[in-house]
Protein backbone atom coordinates (compact mmCIF):
# COMPACT_ATOMS: atom_id res chain seq x y z
CA UNK A 1 -4.60 18.42 54.84
CA UNK A 2 -6.86 16.50 53.27
CA UNK A 3 -5.12 14.02 51.12
CA UNK A 4 -7.68 12.62 48.23
CA UNK A 5 -7.48 8.89 48.18
CA UNK A 6 -9.11 6.93 44.95
CA UNK A 7 -11.35 5.46 44.83
CA UNK A 8 -11.73 1.42 44.17
CA UNK A 9 -12.82 1.82 40.60
CA UNK A 10 -10.19 4.86 40.47
CA UNK A 11 -7.53 2.04 40.96
CA UNK A 12 -8.73 -0.78 39.29
CA UNK A 13 -8.68 1.84 36.40
CA UNK A 14 -5.00 2.57 36.58
CA UNK A 15 -4.53 -0.94 37.24
CA UNK A 16 -6.09 -2.32 33.96
CA UNK A 17 -4.28 0.76 31.97
CA UNK A 18 -1.29 -1.32 33.54
CA UNK A 19 -1.80 -4.00 32.58
CA UNK A 20 -2.79 -3.29 29.41
CA UNK A 21 0.70 -1.13 28.73
CA UNK A 22 2.75 -4.02 30.02
CA UNK A 23 0.54 -6.61 27.13
CA UNK A 24 1.49 -4.62 24.62
CA UNK A 25 4.90 -4.49 25.79
CA UNK A 26 5.41 -7.94 25.69
CA UNK A 27 3.18 -9.02 22.21
CA UNK A 28 5.20 -5.90 20.20
CA UNK A 29 9.30 -7.44 21.50
CA UNK A 30 9.57 -10.67 23.26
CA UNK A 31 13.04 -10.23 22.91
CA UNK A 32 12.96 -8.78 25.84
CA UNK A 33 11.77 -11.23 27.70
CA UNK A 34 11.10 -9.91 31.85
CA UNK A 35 9.87 -11.20 35.00
CA UNK A 36 5.72 -11.69 34.25
CA UNK A 37 4.44 -13.58 37.46
CA UNK A 38 3.06 -10.05 38.32
CA UNK A 39 0.31 -10.52 35.54
CA UNK A 40 -0.08 -13.63 34.73
CA UNK A 41 -0.36 -16.56 36.17
CA UNK A 42 0.81 -20.75 35.95
CA UNK A 43 -1.02 -22.89 36.06
CA UNK A 44 -0.29 -27.07 37.04
CA UNK A 45 0.27 -27.51 32.94
CA UNK A 46 2.10 -24.42 32.34
CA UNK A 47 4.30 -21.90 33.42
CA UNK A 48 3.35 -17.76 33.34
CA UNK A 49 6.25 -17.10 30.88
CA UNK A 50 4.82 -20.35 28.21
CA UNK A 51 0.83 -18.66 28.67
CA UNK A 52 2.21 -15.13 27.21
CA UNK A 53 4.03 -17.19 24.52
CA UNK A 54 1.08 -18.22 23.74
CA UNK A 55 -0.14 -15.39 22.71
CA UNK A 56 3.02 -13.07 21.61
CA UNK A 57 3.23 -16.09 18.89
CA UNK A 58 -0.25 -15.30 17.92
CA UNK A 59 -0.11 -12.12 17.45
CA UNK A 60 3.41 -12.27 15.63
CA UNK A 61 1.32 -14.84 13.51
CA UNK A 62 -1.04 -12.99 13.02
CA UNK A 63 1.29 -9.70 11.86
CA UNK A 64 3.24 -11.74 9.40
CA UNK A 65 -0.31 -13.05 8.00
CA UNK A 66 -1.34 -9.35 7.37
CA UNK A 67 2.07 -8.77 5.99
CA UNK A 68 1.61 -11.55 2.87
CA UNK A 69 -1.94 -10.89 2.88
CA UNK A 70 -0.53 -6.87 2.19
CA UNK A 71 1.86 -8.20 0.39
CA UNK A 72 1.47 -11.32 -2.15
CA UNK A 73 3.77 -9.96 -4.44
CA UNK A 74 6.66 -8.30 -2.63
CA UNK A 75 6.54 -11.90 -0.68
CA UNK A 76 7.31 -14.05 -4.13
CA UNK A 77 9.62 -11.54 -5.36
CA UNK A 78 11.86 -12.19 -2.70
CA UNK A 79 11.14 -15.59 -1.39
CA UNK A 80 8.96 -16.61 1.89
CA UNK A 81 11.72 -16.99 4.53
CA UNK A 82 13.87 -13.96 3.53
CA UNK A 83 9.72 -11.54 2.99
CA UNK A 84 9.21 -12.85 6.22
CA UNK A 85 13.01 -12.25 8.09
CA UNK A 86 11.76 -8.44 6.53
CA UNK A 87 8.44 -8.16 7.98
CA UNK A 88 10.23 -9.70 11.47
CA UNK A 89 12.43 -7.13 11.22
CA UNK A 90 10.19 -4.13 10.29
CA UNK A 91 7.21 -5.06 12.90
CA UNK A 92 10.35 -4.81 15.69
CA UNK A 93 11.31 -1.11 13.87
CA UNK A 94 8.07 -0.05 13.30
CA UNK A 95 5.14 -1.63 15.65
CA UNK A 96 1.20 -1.86 14.82
CA UNK A 97 0.53 2.08 16.36
CA UNK A 98 -3.67 2.02 14.03
CA UNK A 99 -6.57 0.66 15.01
CA UNK A 100 -6.64 -1.07 12.02
CA UNK A 101 -4.17 -3.96 10.69
CA UNK A 102 -5.05 -1.83 6.94
CA UNK A 103 -2.16 0.92 7.99
CA UNK A 104 -0.08 -1.73 9.56
CA UNK A 105 2.71 -1.74 6.13
CA UNK A 106 2.20 1.50 5.50
CA UNK A 107 6.29 2.19 6.82
CA UNK A 108 7.48 -1.21 4.93
CA UNK A 109 9.14 0.52 2.08
CA UNK A 110 10.71 3.34 4.12
CA UNK A 111 12.34 0.65 5.78
CA UNK A 112 13.64 -1.25 2.96
CA UNK A 113 15.25 1.72 2.35
CA UNK A 114 16.24 2.08 5.82
CA UNK A 115 18.02 -1.52 4.82
CA UNK A 116 18.90 -1.98 2.13
CA UNK A 117 22.43 -3.33 1.95
CA UNK A 118 24.57 -1.06 -0.03
CA UNK A 119 22.83 1.99 1.35
CA UNK A 120 25.94 3.38 1.91
CA UNK A 121 27.69 2.15 -0.84
CA UNK A 122 28.04 4.48 -3.66
CA UNK A 123 27.47 2.21 -6.75
CA UNK A 124 24.46 0.64 -5.30
CA UNK A 125 22.33 -2.77 -6.84
CA UNK A 126 19.00 -2.55 -8.20
CA UNK A 127 17.07 -5.35 -7.34
CA UNK A 128 16.59 -3.27 -4.18
CA UNK A 129 14.96 -0.12 -5.56
CA UNK A 130 12.48 -2.11 -7.88
CA UNK A 131 11.19 -4.37 -4.71
CA UNK A 132 10.79 -0.64 -3.07
CA UNK A 133 8.92 0.42 -5.47
CA UNK A 134 6.92 -2.83 -5.41
CA UNK A 135 6.14 -2.34 -1.52
CA UNK A 136 5.40 1.02 -2.24
CA UNK A 137 2.67 0.13 -4.96
CA UNK A 138 1.51 -3.21 -3.42
CA UNK A 139 0.67 -0.56 -0.42
CA UNK A 140 -1.55 1.96 -2.81
CA UNK A 141 -3.36 -0.70 -4.09
CA UNK A 142 -3.83 -1.61 -0.15
CA UNK A 143 -5.47 1.52 0.70
CA UNK A 144 -7.51 2.22 -3.29
CA UNK A 145 -9.51 -0.19 -1.92
CA UNK A 146 -10.52 1.89 1.40
CA UNK A 147 -9.51 5.24 0.17
CA UNK A 148 -12.42 7.20 0.78
CA UNK A 149 -14.73 8.86 -2.15
CA UNK A 150 -18.13 10.12 -3.62
CA UNK A 151 -19.54 6.71 -5.28
CA UNK A 152 -22.61 8.16 -5.92
CA UNK A 153 -22.10 9.94 -9.47
CA UNK A 154 -23.15 8.54 -12.91
CA UNK A 155 -20.56 6.75 -15.26
CA UNK A 156 -19.15 8.59 -18.89
CA UNK A 157 -20.25 6.90 -22.25
CA UNK A 158 -19.44 7.49 -25.71
CA UNK A 159 -22.25 10.36 -26.13
CA UNK A 160 -20.95 12.47 -23.14
CA UNK A 161 -19.25 15.35 -24.23
CA UNK A 162 -15.39 15.59 -24.31
CA UNK A 163 -15.89 19.02 -21.47
CA UNK A 164 -18.05 17.15 -19.19
CA UNK A 165 -15.52 14.64 -18.65
CA UNK A 166 -13.68 13.80 -15.54
CA UNK A 167 -11.90 10.68 -13.78
CA UNK A 168 -13.10 8.37 -11.43
CA UNK A 169 -12.35 9.80 -7.98
CA UNK A 170 -10.43 7.12 -7.00
CA UNK A 171 -7.51 7.43 -9.56
CA UNK A 172 -3.41 7.35 -9.36
CA UNK A 173 -1.60 7.52 -12.03
CA UNK A 174 2.10 6.02 -11.67
CA UNK A 175 5.51 6.39 -12.95
CA UNK A 176 8.15 3.52 -12.11
CA UNK A 177 11.60 2.57 -12.75
CA UNK A 178 10.44 -1.18 -13.17
CA UNK A 179 8.17 -2.69 -15.00
CA UNK A 180 5.64 -2.90 -11.64
CA UNK A 181 2.60 -3.40 -12.27
CA UNK A 182 2.95 -6.16 -15.42
CA UNK A 183 5.26 -8.06 -12.57
CA UNK A 184 2.61 -7.37 -9.65
CA UNK A 185 -0.59 -8.70 -12.20
CA UNK A 186 1.79 -11.69 -13.23
CA UNK A 187 3.17 -12.81 -9.57
CA UNK A 188 -0.46 -12.60 -7.86
CA UNK A 189 -1.85 -14.68 -10.88
CA UNK A 190 0.36 -16.95 -10.25
CA UNK A 191 2.28 -16.59 -13.28
CA UNK A 192 5.59 -17.15 -10.95
CA UNK A 193 7.93 -14.07 -12.57
CA UNK A 194 11.21 -13.30 -12.70
CA UNK A 195 12.81 -10.17 -11.36
CA UNK A 196 12.48 -7.96 -14.04
CA UNK A 197 15.61 -5.59 -15.24
CA UNK A 198 14.97 -1.78 -14.46
CA UNK A 199 12.13 -1.00 -17.55
CA UNK A 200 10.76 2.30 -17.41
CA UNK A 201 6.93 1.69 -16.96
CA UNK A 202 3.61 4.19 -16.63
CA UNK A 203 0.49 2.69 -15.06
CA UNK A 204 -3.11 3.77 -14.15
CA UNK A 205 -4.56 2.54 -10.58
CA UNK A 206 -8.62 3.20 -10.20
CA UNK A 207 -11.22 1.65 -8.14
CA UNK A 208 -15.01 1.40 -9.53
CA UNK A 209 -17.81 0.57 -8.41
CA UNK A 210 -15.69 -0.85 -5.37
CA UNK A 211 -13.80 -3.19 -7.73
CA UNK A 212 -9.77 -2.06 -8.82
CA UNK A 213 -8.54 -1.93 -12.64
CA UNK A 214 -4.65 -1.96 -12.83
CA UNK A 215 -3.89 -0.60 -16.27
CA UNK A 216 -0.59 -0.32 -18.48
CA UNK A 217 -0.66 2.74 -20.25
CA UNK A 218 1.94 4.76 -22.76
CA UNK A 219 4.64 7.52 -21.79
CA UNK A 220 2.76 10.06 -23.51
CA UNK A 221 -1.02 8.58 -22.40
CA UNK A 222 -0.02 9.24 -19.05
CA UNK A 223 1.90 13.05 -19.13
CA UNK A 224 -1.89 13.35 -21.55
CA UNK A 225 -3.47 12.06 -18.25
CA UNK A 226 -1.42 13.90 -15.93
CA UNK A 227 -2.46 17.06 -17.43
CA UNK A 228 -6.47 16.29 -17.42
CA UNK A 229 -6.72 15.40 -13.86
CA UNK A 230 -4.97 18.74 -12.85
CA UNK A 231 -7.03 20.86 -15.70
CA UNK A 232 -9.87 18.91 -15.78
CA UNK A 233 -10.22 20.10 -19.00
CA UNK A 234 -9.48 18.20 -22.52
CA UNK A 235 -8.83 20.33 -24.62
CA UNK A 236 -6.38 21.70 -22.13
CA UNK A 237 -4.86 18.31 -21.91
CA UNK A 238 -4.92 17.50 -25.90
CA UNK A 239 -2.72 21.06 -25.78
CA UNK A 240 -0.05 20.49 -23.27
CA UNK A 241 0.71 18.00 -25.83
CA UNK A 242 0.72 19.67 -29.06
CA UNK A 243 3.01 22.25 -26.92
CA UNK A 244 5.23 20.28 -24.86
CA UNK A 245 5.75 17.54 -27.58
CA UNK A 246 5.40 18.56 -31.22
CA UNK A 247 2.33 16.43 -31.90
CA UNK A 248 0.74 16.78 -34.64
CA UNK A 249 -2.84 18.08 -34.51
CA UNK A 250 -5.44 15.62 -36.52
CA UNK A 251 -2.62 12.71 -35.74
CA UNK A 252 -3.87 13.72 -32.04
CA UNK A 253 -6.92 13.42 -32.23
CA UNK A 254 -6.96 10.07 -33.82
CA UNK A 255 -4.90 8.89 -30.74
CA UNK A 256 -7.23 10.09 -28.22
CA UNK A 257 -10.07 9.24 -30.22
CA UNK A 258 -9.00 5.30 -30.18
CA UNK A 259 -7.78 6.39 -26.34
CA UNK A 260 -11.32 7.61 -25.66
CA UNK A 261 -12.91 4.18 -26.57
CA UNK A 262 -10.82 2.35 -24.64
CA UNK A 263 -10.47 4.37 -21.03
CA UNK A 264 -14.58 4.54 -21.88
CA UNK A 265 -15.19 0.52 -21.76
CA UNK A 266 -12.27 0.04 -18.41
CA UNK A 267 -14.02 3.10 -16.52
CA UNK A 268 -11.51 5.64 -16.45
CA UNK A 269 -14.09 8.02 -16.18
CA UNK A 270 -17.70 9.87 -14.91
CA UNK A 271 -19.97 12.64 -15.83
CA UNK A 272 -19.27 15.57 -14.16
């Protein structure tokens, strides 16, 4: 029986794979320590462990920077020291597994749900709910920049027939239990907002020419746009409001003309 021996290149590939796995574990779980002399050389100035710690600190610092960039409003709400504490715990529970750091904060809202201090209490505080909504919203803002969509479209104008209107490809309608949109805009524009009380809010997040727009809307407008997004028909959206909310047809038409002019200007619509 002949035993197949690995070639030098195969041995090297296996060794390299082992080193990669070891280095990844050391970067993601520096708290576990362990022997590093096998893969890292000591020098006259630094021990193997000290060399490794340089990479560990740099790696964590890079991930912290990324989280701060993805969640500026949440950092403002929590304060930077507490935000970084949450970030460090999150990175231990949900280490990066994607080729891009754009996905780093994907589970941050989920993590905040899992670790909220009143998780098992019968009566819950409201501030964790605000933080969770804000985290999910900020991640959506980040992903909307890179969301894949057909950008080859013609922007609608006041002359576009109503039944030819369509929402821009990147368009999200949002309903929150807190004034998330207004708080976010105040925080990122350095207006130092206070933590808000619970207040139902509605907003539209869209992208046009690779620029994001964020707009507060009224509940009735939210219902109208939700129906329009589903049916792709203005007349169906109008009839939905008339049937469901007993709105006078002439009054609705007057409101619609104002909405349409404003939303055309803000880039909500393209031409089918």
